[in-house]
Amino acid sequence: MKWSDAREIAQALFDAHPDVKPLEIRFTDLHRWVCELDDFEDDPDKSTESHLEAIQMAWLDEWED
């Protein structure tokens, strides 16, 4: 997975942290959790606020379903 794979990352985060409310996580923690995913293969330094927002919103969609 790469930073642009917001939906795929969101699903992995939902599976890894099912009890976490996506809007209550700090971006610093979100960044770390994404980088810790087994299938994440992108450069941690290439993250942007837009990437993290997209991941957070996709995760929220997963969480609300």
N, C-alpha and C. Protein backbone atom coordinates (compact mmCIF):
# COMPACT_ATOMS: atom_id res chain seq x y z
N MET A 1 0.83 -1.18 0.00
CA MET A 1 0.00 0.00 0.00
C MET A 1 0.88 1.25 0.00
N LYS A 2 0.34 2.26 -0.61
CA LYS A 2 1.01 3.56 -0.67
C LYS A 2 0.08 4.60 -0.06
N TRP A 3 0.59 5.80 0.19
CA TRP A 3 -0.21 6.86 0.80
C TRP A 3 -1.49 7.14 0.02
N SER A 4 -1.46 6.95 -1.28
CA SER A 4 -2.63 7.24 -2.11
C SER A 4 -3.72 6.17 -2.01
N ASP A 5 -3.46 5.07 -1.36
CA ASP A 5 -4.42 3.97 -1.23
C ASP A 5 -5.29 4.13 0.03
N ALA A 6 -5.99 5.25 0.11
CA ALA A 6 -6.73 5.60 1.33
C ALA A 6 -7.74 4.53 1.73
N ARG A 7 -8.51 4.02 0.80
CA ARG A 7 -9.53 3.01 1.13
C ARG A 7 -8.91 1.72 1.67
N GLU A 8 -7.89 1.27 1.01
CA GLU A 8 -7.21 0.04 1.43
C GLU A 8 -6.57 0.21 2.82
N ILE A 9 -5.95 1.35 3.02
CA ILE A 9 -5.34 1.65 4.33
C ILE A 9 -6.43 1.74 5.40
N ALA A 10 -7.53 2.41 5.07
CA ALA A 10 -8.63 2.55 6.03
C ALA A 10 -9.16 1.19 6.45
N GLN A 11 -9.32 0.27 5.51
CA GLN A 11 -9.81 -1.07 5.85
C GLN A 11 -8.83 -1.78 6.78
N ALA A 12 -7.55 -1.66 6.49
CA ALA A 12 -6.53 -2.29 7.33
C ALA A 12 -6.53 -1.68 8.74
N LEU A 13 -6.70 -0.38 8.83
CA LEU A 13 -6.75 0.28 10.14
C LEU A 13 -8.00 -0.13 10.90
N PHE A 14 -9.11 -0.24 10.21
CA PHE A 14 -10.36 -0.68 10.84
C PHE A 14 -10.19 -2.09 11.39
N ASP A 15 -9.55 -2.96 10.64
CA ASP A 15 -9.31 -4.33 11.10
C ASP A 15 -8.35 -4.36 12.29
N ALA A 16 -7.35 -3.51 12.26
CA ALA A 16 -6.33 -3.49 13.32
C ALA A 16 -6.80 -2.77 14.59
N HIS A 17 -7.69 -1.80 14.43
CA HIS A 17 -8.12 -0.97 15.57
C HIS A 17 -9.65 -0.77 15.52
N PRO A 18 -10.42 -1.85 15.65
CA PRO A 18 -11.87 -1.75 15.46
C PRO A 18 -12.60 -0.88 16.48
N ASP A 19 -12.02 -0.65 17.64
CA ASP A 19 -12.70 0.13 18.67
C ASP A 19 -12.30 1.60 18.69
N VAL A 20 -11.40 1.99 17.80
CA VAL A 20 -10.93 3.38 17.76
C VAL A 20 -11.87 4.21 16.87
N LYS A 21 -12.29 5.35 17.40
CA LYS A 21 -13.09 6.28 16.60
C LYS A 21 -12.13 7.11 15.75
N PRO A 22 -12.24 7.01 14.43
CA PRO A 22 -11.27 7.67 13.55
C PRO A 22 -11.10 9.17 13.76
N LEU A 23 -12.15 9.85 14.15
CA LEU A 23 -12.04 11.30 14.34
C LEU A 23 -11.37 11.68 15.65
N GLU A 24 -11.12 10.71 16.51
CA GLU A 24 -10.49 10.99 17.80
C GLU A 24 -9.00 10.70 17.82
N ILE A 25 -8.45 10.25 16.70
CA ILE A 25 -7.02 9.94 16.65
C ILE A 25 -6.24 11.14 16.12
N ARG A 26 -5.12 11.40 16.73
CA ARG A 26 -4.25 12.49 16.26
C ARG A 26 -3.55 12.05 14.97
N PHE A 27 -3.24 13.00 14.12
CA PHE A 27 -2.57 12.68 12.86
C PHE A 27 -1.19 12.05 13.11
N THR A 28 -0.53 12.43 14.17
CA THR A 28 0.78 11.82 14.45
C THR A 28 0.62 10.32 14.73
N ASP A 29 -0.43 9.95 15.46
CA ASP A 29 -0.70 8.53 15.72
C ASP A 29 -1.17 7.83 14.45
N LEU A 30 -2.02 8.49 13.69
CA LEU A 30 -2.50 7.91 12.43
C LEU A 30 -1.32 7.62 11.51
N HIS A 31 -0.43 8.56 11.39
CA HIS A 31 0.76 8.38 10.55
C HIS A 31 1.56 7.16 11.00
N ARG A 32 1.78 7.06 12.29
CA ARG A 32 2.55 5.93 12.83
C ARG A 32 1.83 4.61 12.57
N TRP A 33 0.53 4.57 12.81
CA TRP A 33 -0.23 3.34 12.61
C TRP A 33 -0.21 2.90 11.14
N VAL A 34 -0.32 3.87 10.23
CA VAL A 34 -0.25 3.52 8.80
C VAL A 34 1.12 2.92 8.48
N CYS A 35 2.17 3.56 8.93
CA CYS A 35 3.52 3.08 8.66
C CYS A 35 3.78 1.71 9.27
N GLU A 36 3.07 1.37 10.34
CA GLU A 36 3.25 0.08 11.00
C GLU A 36 2.46 -1.05 10.33
N LEU A 37 1.57 -0.74 9.40
CA LEU A 37 0.80 -1.79 8.73
C LEU A 37 1.74 -2.69 7.93
N ASP A 38 1.49 -3.99 8.00
CA ASP A 38 2.36 -4.96 7.34
C ASP A 38 2.50 -4.72 5.84
N ASP A 39 1.41 -4.34 5.18
CA ASP A 39 1.44 -4.18 3.72
C ASP A 39 1.79 -2.76 3.26
N PHE A 40 2.10 -1.87 4.19
CA PHE A 40 2.44 -0.50 3.81
C PHE A 40 3.88 -0.45 3.34
N GLU A 41 4.07 0.08 2.12
CA GLU A 41 5.40 0.05 1.50
C GLU A 41 5.88 1.41 1.00
N ASP A 42 5.23 2.48 1.42
CA ASP A 42 5.61 3.80 0.92
C ASP A 42 6.59 4.48 1.88
N ASP A 43 7.16 5.55 1.41
CA ASP A 43 8.10 6.35 2.21
C ASP A 43 7.33 7.14 3.26
N PRO A 44 7.61 6.95 4.54
CA PRO A 44 6.91 7.70 5.58
C PRO A 44 6.99 9.21 5.41
N ASP A 45 8.06 9.70 4.83
CA ASP A 45 8.24 11.13 4.65
C ASP A 45 7.41 11.72 3.51
N LYS A 46 6.76 10.87 2.71
CA LYS A 46 5.94 11.35 1.60
C LYS A 46 4.49 11.60 2.01
N SER A 47 4.19 11.41 3.26
CA SER A 47 2.85 11.66 3.77
C SER A 47 2.55 13.15 3.74
N THR A 48 1.30 13.48 3.43
CA THR A 48 0.84 14.86 3.48
C THR A 48 -0.42 14.91 4.35
N GLU A 49 -0.79 16.10 4.75
CA GLU A 49 -2.03 16.26 5.51
C GLU A 49 -3.22 15.78 4.69
N SER A 50 -3.19 16.00 3.39
CA SER A 50 -4.27 15.54 2.52
C SER A 50 -4.38 14.02 2.52
N HIS A 51 -3.25 13.34 2.50
CA HIS A 51 -3.27 11.87 2.56
C HIS A 51 -3.91 11.40 3.86
N LEU A 52 -3.48 11.99 4.97
CA LEU A 52 -4.00 11.59 6.27
C LEU A 52 -5.49 11.90 6.40
N GLU A 53 -5.92 13.02 5.87
CA GLU A 53 -7.35 13.36 5.90
C GLU A 53 -8.16 12.36 5.09
N ALA A 54 -7.66 11.99 3.92
CA ALA A 54 -8.37 11.03 3.07
C ALA A 54 -8.46 9.67 3.76
N ILE A 55 -7.38 9.25 4.39
CA ILE A 55 -7.37 7.98 5.12
C ILE A 55 -8.36 8.05 6.28
N GLN A 56 -8.34 9.15 7.02
CA GLN A 56 -9.22 9.30 8.17
C GLN A 56 -10.70 9.26 7.73
N MET A 57 -11.04 9.93 6.65
CA MET A 57 -12.42 9.95 6.17
C MET A 57 -12.85 8.58 5.65
N ALA A 58 -11.96 7.89 4.97
CA ALA A 58 -12.27 6.54 4.49
C ALA A 58 -12.44 5.59 5.67
N TRP A 59 -11.61 5.75 6.69
CA TRP A 59 -11.72 4.93 7.90
C TRP A 59 -13.04 5.22 8.60
N LEU A 60 -13.44 6.47 8.66
CA LEU A 60 -14.72 6.85 9.25
C LEU A 60 -15.87 6.16 8.52
N ASP A 61 -15.81 6.12 7.19
CA ASP A 61 -16.83 5.41 6.42
C ASP A 61 -16.90 3.95 6.81
N GLU A 62 -15.75 3.31 6.96
CA GLU A 62 -15.70 1.90 7.38
C GLU A 62 -16.29 1.73 8.78
N TRP A 63 -15.93 2.63 9.65
CA TRP A 63 -16.33 2.55 11.06
C TRP A 63 -17.84 2.74 11.22
N GLU A 64 -18.44 3.62 10.41
CA GLU A 64 -19.87 3.91 10.51
C GLU A 64 -20.74 2.84 9.89
N ASP A 65 -20.19 2.02 9.01
CA ASP A 65 -20.99 0.97 8.35
C ASP A 65 -21.30 -0.19 9.25
